[in-house]
Amino acid sequence: METFDHVLSEEVFKLFGEMGYAGQVIYLTHHQYLCEVAKAVIPSVTIHELG
C-alpha cells in the first residue's frame, strides 16, 4: 500500500474496517504515515508496534 496515494490508502483502510466485522484483519507495515491514516479512518483500530 506504500505506493498508493493518500485517498486510495484511506479507501483500503475503510475496507479493512468493514472486513473487521467478519474477522480479524492483520496488516503489516513499516510506514508510520499509514498507521496515522488507519487511525484517522478507523478510530477503533488497534496498532501494535514491534520492537
PDB file of N, CA and C in Angstrom:
ATOM      1  N   MET A   1       0.826  -1.186   0.000  1.00  0.00           N
ATOM      2  CA  MET A   1       0.000   0.000   0.000  1.00  0.00           C
ATOM      3  C   MET A   1       0.873   1.254   0.000  1.00  0.00           C
ATOM      4  N   GLU A   2       2.176   1.102   0.220  1.00  0.00           N
ATOM      5  CA  GLU A   2       3.039   2.272   0.274  1.00  0.00           C
ATOM      6  C   GLU A   2       3.119   3.011  -1.053  1.00  0.00           C
ATOM      7  N   THR A   3       2.708   2.378  -2.136  1.00  0.00           N
ATOM      8  CA  THR A   3       2.719   3.063  -3.427  1.00  0.00           C
ATOM      9  C   THR A   3       1.391   3.741  -3.743  1.00  0.00           C
ATOM     10  N   PHE A   4       0.381   3.567  -2.882  1.00  0.00           N
ATOM     11  CA  PHE A   4      -0.927   4.195  -3.091  1.00  0.00           C
ATOM     12  C   PHE A   4      -0.861   5.656  -2.662  1.00  0.00           C
ATOM     13  N   ASP A   5      -1.695   6.490  -3.270  1.00  0.00           N
ATOM     14  CA  ASP A   5      -1.812   7.862  -2.791  1.00  0.00           C
ATOM     15  C   ASP A   5      -2.664   7.864  -1.518  1.00  0.00           C
ATOM     16  N   HIS A   6      -2.738   9.007  -0.866  1.00  0.00           N
ATOM     17  CA  HIS A   6      -3.428   9.115   0.426  1.00  0.00           C
ATOM     18  C   HIS A   6      -4.902   8.705   0.323  1.00  0.00           C
ATOM     19  N   VAL A   7      -5.569   9.147  -0.726  1.00  0.00           N
ATOM     20  CA  VAL A   7      -7.001   8.854  -0.893  1.00  0.00           C
ATOM     21  C   VAL A   7      -7.228   7.355  -1.056  1.00  0.00           C
ATOM     22  N   LEU A   8      -6.416   6.716  -1.872  1.00  0.00           N
ATOM     23  CA  LEU A   8      -6.577   5.273  -2.092  1.00  0.00           C
ATOM     24  C   LEU A   8      -6.260   4.499  -0.811  1.00  0.00           C
ATOM     25  N   SER A   9      -5.254   4.935  -0.074  1.00  0.00           N
ATOM     26  CA  SER A   9      -4.943   4.284   1.202  1.00  0.00           C
ATOM     27  C   SER A   9      -6.116   4.376   2.163  1.00  0.00           C
ATOM     28  N   GLU A  10      -6.763   5.543   2.227  1.00  0.00           N
ATOM     29  CA  GLU A  10      -7.941   5.694   3.082  1.00  0.00           C
ATOM     30  C   GLU A  10      -9.037   4.719   2.688  1.00  0.00           C
ATOM     31  N   GLU A  11      -9.268   4.564   1.392  1.00  0.00           N
ATOM     32  CA  GLU A  11     -10.317   3.652   0.921  1.00  0.00           C
ATOM     33  C   GLU A  11     -10.011   2.208   1.298  1.00  0.00           C
ATOM     34  N   VAL A  12      -8.750   1.818   1.191  1.00  0.00           N
ATOM     35  CA  VAL A  12      -8.369   0.452   1.557  1.00  0.00           C
ATOM     36  C   VAL A  12      -8.591   0.232   3.057  1.00  0.00           C
ATOM     37  N   PHE A  13      -8.220   1.220   3.877  1.00  0.00           N
ATOM     38  CA  PHE A  13      -8.436   1.067   5.321  1.00  0.00           C
ATOM     39  C   PHE A  13      -9.918   1.036   5.660  1.00  0.00           C
ATOM     40  N   LYS A  14     -10.751   1.737   4.910  1.00  0.00           N
ATOM     41  CA  LYS A  14     -12.198   1.638   5.121  1.00  0.00           C
ATOM     42  C   LYS A  14     -12.667   0.209   4.857  1.00  0.00           C
ATOM     43  N   LEU A  15     -12.141  -0.387   3.799  1.00  0.00           N
ATOM     44  CA  LEU A  15     -12.485  -1.786   3.507  1.00  0.00           C
ATOM     45  C   LEU A  15     -11.994  -2.711   4.619  1.00  0.00           C
ATOM     46  N   PHE A  16     -10.777  -2.480   5.113  1.00  0.00           N
ATOM     47  CA  PHE A  16     -10.259  -3.278   6.225  1.00  0.00           C
ATOM     48  C   PHE A  16     -11.182  -3.147   7.432  1.00  0.00           C
ATOM     49  N   GLY A  17     -11.667  -1.934   7.687  1.00  0.00           N
ATOM     50  CA  GLY A  17     -12.575  -1.715   8.803  1.00  0.00           C
ATOM     51  C   GLY A  17     -13.844  -2.520   8.664  1.00  0.00           C
ATOM     52  N   GLU A  18     -14.384  -2.584   7.461  1.00  0.00           N
ATOM     53  CA  GLU A  18     -15.581  -3.391   7.210  1.00  0.00           C
ATOM     54  C   GLU A  18     -15.274  -4.879   7.355  1.00  0.00           C
ATOM     55  N   MET A  19     -14.099  -5.287   6.876  1.00  0.00           N
ATOM     56  CA  MET A  19     -13.710  -6.689   6.988  1.00  0.00           C
ATOM     57  C   MET A  19     -13.565  -7.106   8.447  1.00  0.00           C
ATOM     58  N   GLY A  20     -13.223  -6.157   9.301  1.00  0.00           N
ATOM     59  CA  GLY A  20     -13.043  -6.441  10.716  1.00  0.00           C
ATOM     60  C   GLY A  20     -14.309  -6.904  11.415  1.00  0.00           C
ATOM     61  N   TYR A  21     -15.459  -6.607  10.833  1.00  0.00           N
ATOM     62  CA  TYR A  21     -16.715  -7.092  11.412  1.00  0.00           C
ATOM     63  C   TYR A  21     -16.896  -8.591  11.180  1.00  0.00           C
ATOM     64  N   ALA A  22     -16.215  -9.134  10.178  1.00  0.00           N
ATOM     65  CA  ALA A  22     -16.354 -10.553   9.851  1.00  0.00           C
ATOM     66  C   ALA A  22     -15.199 -11.392  10.397  1.00  0.00           C
ATOM     67  N   GLY A  23     -14.090 -10.750  10.700  1.00  0.00           N
ATOM     68  CA  GLY A  23     -12.929 -11.487  11.186  1.00  0.00           C
ATOM     69  C   GLY A  23     -11.794 -10.536  11.486  1.00  0.00           C
ATOM     70  N   GLN A  24     -10.674 -11.086  11.857  1.00  0.00           N
ATOM     71  CA  GLN A  24      -9.516 -10.292  12.222  1.00  0.00           C
ATOM     72  C   GLN A  24      -8.749  -9.888  10.967  1.00  0.00           C
ATOM     73  N   VAL A  25      -8.356  -8.636  10.906  1.00  0.00           N
ATOM     74  CA  VAL A  25      -7.553  -8.136   9.790  1.00  0.00           C
ATOM     75  C   VAL A  25      -6.177  -7.783  10.335  1.00  0.00           C
ATOM     76  N   ILE A  26      -5.148  -8.337   9.724  1.00  0.00           N
ATOM     77  CA  ILE A  26      -3.772  -8.035  10.120  1.00  0.00           C
ATOM     78  C   ILE A  26      -3.076  -7.409   8.916  1.00  0.00           C
ATOM     79  N   TYR A  27      -2.530  -6.227   9.125  1.00  0.00           N
ATOM     80  CA  TYR A  27      -1.791  -5.536   8.073  1.00  0.00           C
ATOM     81  C   TYR A  27      -0.444  -5.129   8.648  1.00  0.00           C
ATOM     82  N   LEU A  28       0.631  -5.514   8.010  1.00  0.00           N
ATOM     83  CA  LEU A  28       1.973  -5.187   8.485  1.00  0.00           C
ATOM     84  C   LEU A  28       2.578  -4.092   7.616  1.00  0.00           C
ATOM     85  N   THR A  29       3.190  -3.111   8.260  1.00  0.00           N
ATOM     86  CA  THR A  29       3.860  -2.045   7.525  1.00  0.00           C
ATOM     87  C   THR A  29       4.958  -1.455   8.380  1.00  0.00           C
ATOM     88  N   HIS A  30       5.917  -0.846   7.729  1.00  0.00           N
ATOM     89  CA  HIS A  30       6.939  -0.088   8.450  1.00  0.00           C
ATOM     90  C   HIS A  30       6.787   1.411   8.151  1.00  0.00           C
ATOM     91  N   HIS A  31       5.709   1.783   7.507  1.00  0.00           N
ATOM     92  CA  HIS A  31       5.436   3.181   7.164  1.00  0.00           C
ATOM     93  C   HIS A  31       4.534   3.801   8.229  1.00  0.00           C
ATOM     94  N   GLN A  32       5.088   4.694   9.032  1.00  0.00           N
ATOM     95  CA  GLN A  32       4.346   5.307  10.124  1.00  0.00           C
ATOM     96  C   GLN A  32       3.139   6.094   9.609  1.00  0.00           C
ATOM     97  N   TYR A  33       3.262   6.740   8.441  1.00  0.00           N
ATOM     98  CA  TYR A  33       2.144   7.540   7.935  1.00  0.00           C
ATOM     99  C   TYR A  33       0.924   6.674   7.640  1.00  0.00           C
ATOM    100  N   LEU A  34       1.112   5.415   7.294  1.00  0.00           N
ATOM    101  CA  LEU A  34      -0.034   4.533   7.068  1.00  0.00           C
ATOM    102  C   LEU A  34      -0.736   4.212   8.385  1.00  0.00           C
ATOM    103  N   CYS A  35       0.010   4.164   9.471  1.00  0.00           N
ATOM    104  CA  CYS A  35      -0.619   3.988  10.785  1.00  0.00           C
ATOM    105  C   CYS A  35      -1.489   5.198  11.108  1.00  0.00           C
ATOM    106  N   GLU A  36      -1.015   6.383  10.769  1.00  0.00           N
ATOM    107  CA  GLU A  36      -1.783   7.601  11.014  1.00  0.00           C
ATOM    108  C   GLU A  36      -3.045   7.632  10.152  1.00  0.00           C
ATOM    109  N   VAL A  37      -2.951   7.172   8.917  1.00  0.00           N
ATOM    110  CA  VAL A  37      -4.131   7.101   8.043  1.00  0.00           C
ATOM    111  C   VAL A  37      -5.136   6.115   8.632  1.00  0.00           C
ATOM    112  N   ALA A  38      -4.649   4.963   9.083  1.00  0.00           N
ATOM    113  CA  ALA A  38      -5.541   3.947   9.676  1.00  0.00           C
ATOM    114  C   ALA A  38      -6.260   4.513  10.896  1.00  0.00           C
ATOM    115  N   LYS A  39      -5.542   5.246  11.750  1.00  0.00           N
ATOM    116  CA  LYS A  39      -6.155   5.840  12.941  1.00  0.00           C
ATOM    117  C   LYS A  39      -7.228   6.861  12.566  1.00  0.00           C
ATOM    118  N   ALA A  40      -6.986   7.606  11.498  1.00  0.00           N
ATOM    119  CA  ALA A  40      -7.947   8.631  11.078  1.00  0.00           C
ATOM    120  C   ALA A  40      -9.207   8.003  10.493  1.00  0.00           C
ATOM    121  N   VAL A  41      -9.050   6.908   9.763  1.00  0.00           N
ATOM    122  CA  VAL A  41     -10.175   6.274   9.074  1.00  0.00           C
ATOM    123  C   VAL A  41     -10.951   5.344  10.002  1.00  0.00           C
ATOM    124  N   ILE A  42     -10.238   4.638  10.878  1.00  0.00           N
ATOM    125  CA  ILE A  42     -10.856   3.663  11.781  1.00  0.00           C
ATOM    126  C   ILE A  42     -10.457   4.035  13.210  1.00  0.00           C
ATOM    127  N   PRO A  43     -11.215   4.885  13.866  1.00  0.00           N
ATOM    128  CA  PRO A  43     -10.840   5.343  15.215  1.00  0.00           C
ATOM    129  C   PRO A  43     -10.638   4.213  16.229  1.00  0.00           C
ATOM    130  N   SER A  44     -11.295   3.086  16.047  1.00  0.00           N
ATOM    131  CA  SER A  44     -11.171   1.974  17.000  1.00  0.00           C
ATOM    132  C   SER A  44     -10.024   1.021  16.658  1.00  0.00           C
ATOM    133  N   VAL A  45      -9.194   1.362  15.692  1.00  0.00           N
ATOM    134  CA  VAL A  45      -8.112   0.482  15.259  1.00  0.00           C
ATOM    135  C   VAL A  45      -7.131   0.239  16.407  1.00  0.00           C
ATOM    136  N   THR A  46      -6.576  -0.947  16.429  1.00  0.00           N
ATOM    137  CA  THR A  46      -5.515  -1.276  17.395  1.00  0.00           C
ATOM    138  C   THR A  46      -4.218  -1.450  16.614  1.00  0.00           C
ATOM    139  N   ILE A  47      -3.213  -0.684  16.995  1.00  0.00           N
ATOM    140  CA  ILE A  47      -1.923  -0.751  16.314  1.00  0.00           C
ATOM    141  C   ILE A  47      -0.896  -1.256  17.302  1.00  0.00           C
ATOM    142  N   HIS A  48      -0.191  -2.319  16.916  1.00  0.00           N
ATOM    143  CA  HIS A  48       0.873  -2.880  17.735  1.00  0.00           C
ATOM    144  C   HIS A  48       2.195  -2.533  17.067  1.00  0.00           C
ATOM    145  N   GLU A  49       3.105  -1.977  17.835  1.00  0.00           N
ATOM    146  CA  GLU A  49       4.435  -1.661  17.316  1.00  0.00           C
ATOM    147  C   GLU A  49       5.417  -2.701  17.825  1.00  0.00           C
ATOM    148  N   LEU A  50       6.110  -3.335  16.912  1.00  0.00           N
ATOM    149  CA  LEU A  50       7.085  -4.349  17.268  1.00  0.00           C
ATOM    150  C   LEU A  50       8.457  -3.709  17.440  1.00  0.00           C
ATOM    151  N   GLY A  51       9.180  -4.132  18.432  1.00  0.00           N
ATOM    152  CA  GLY A  51      10.489  -3.557  18.716  1.00  0.00           C
ATOM    153  C   GLY A  51      11.586  -4.126  17.872  1.00  0.00           C
TER     154      GLY A  51
END
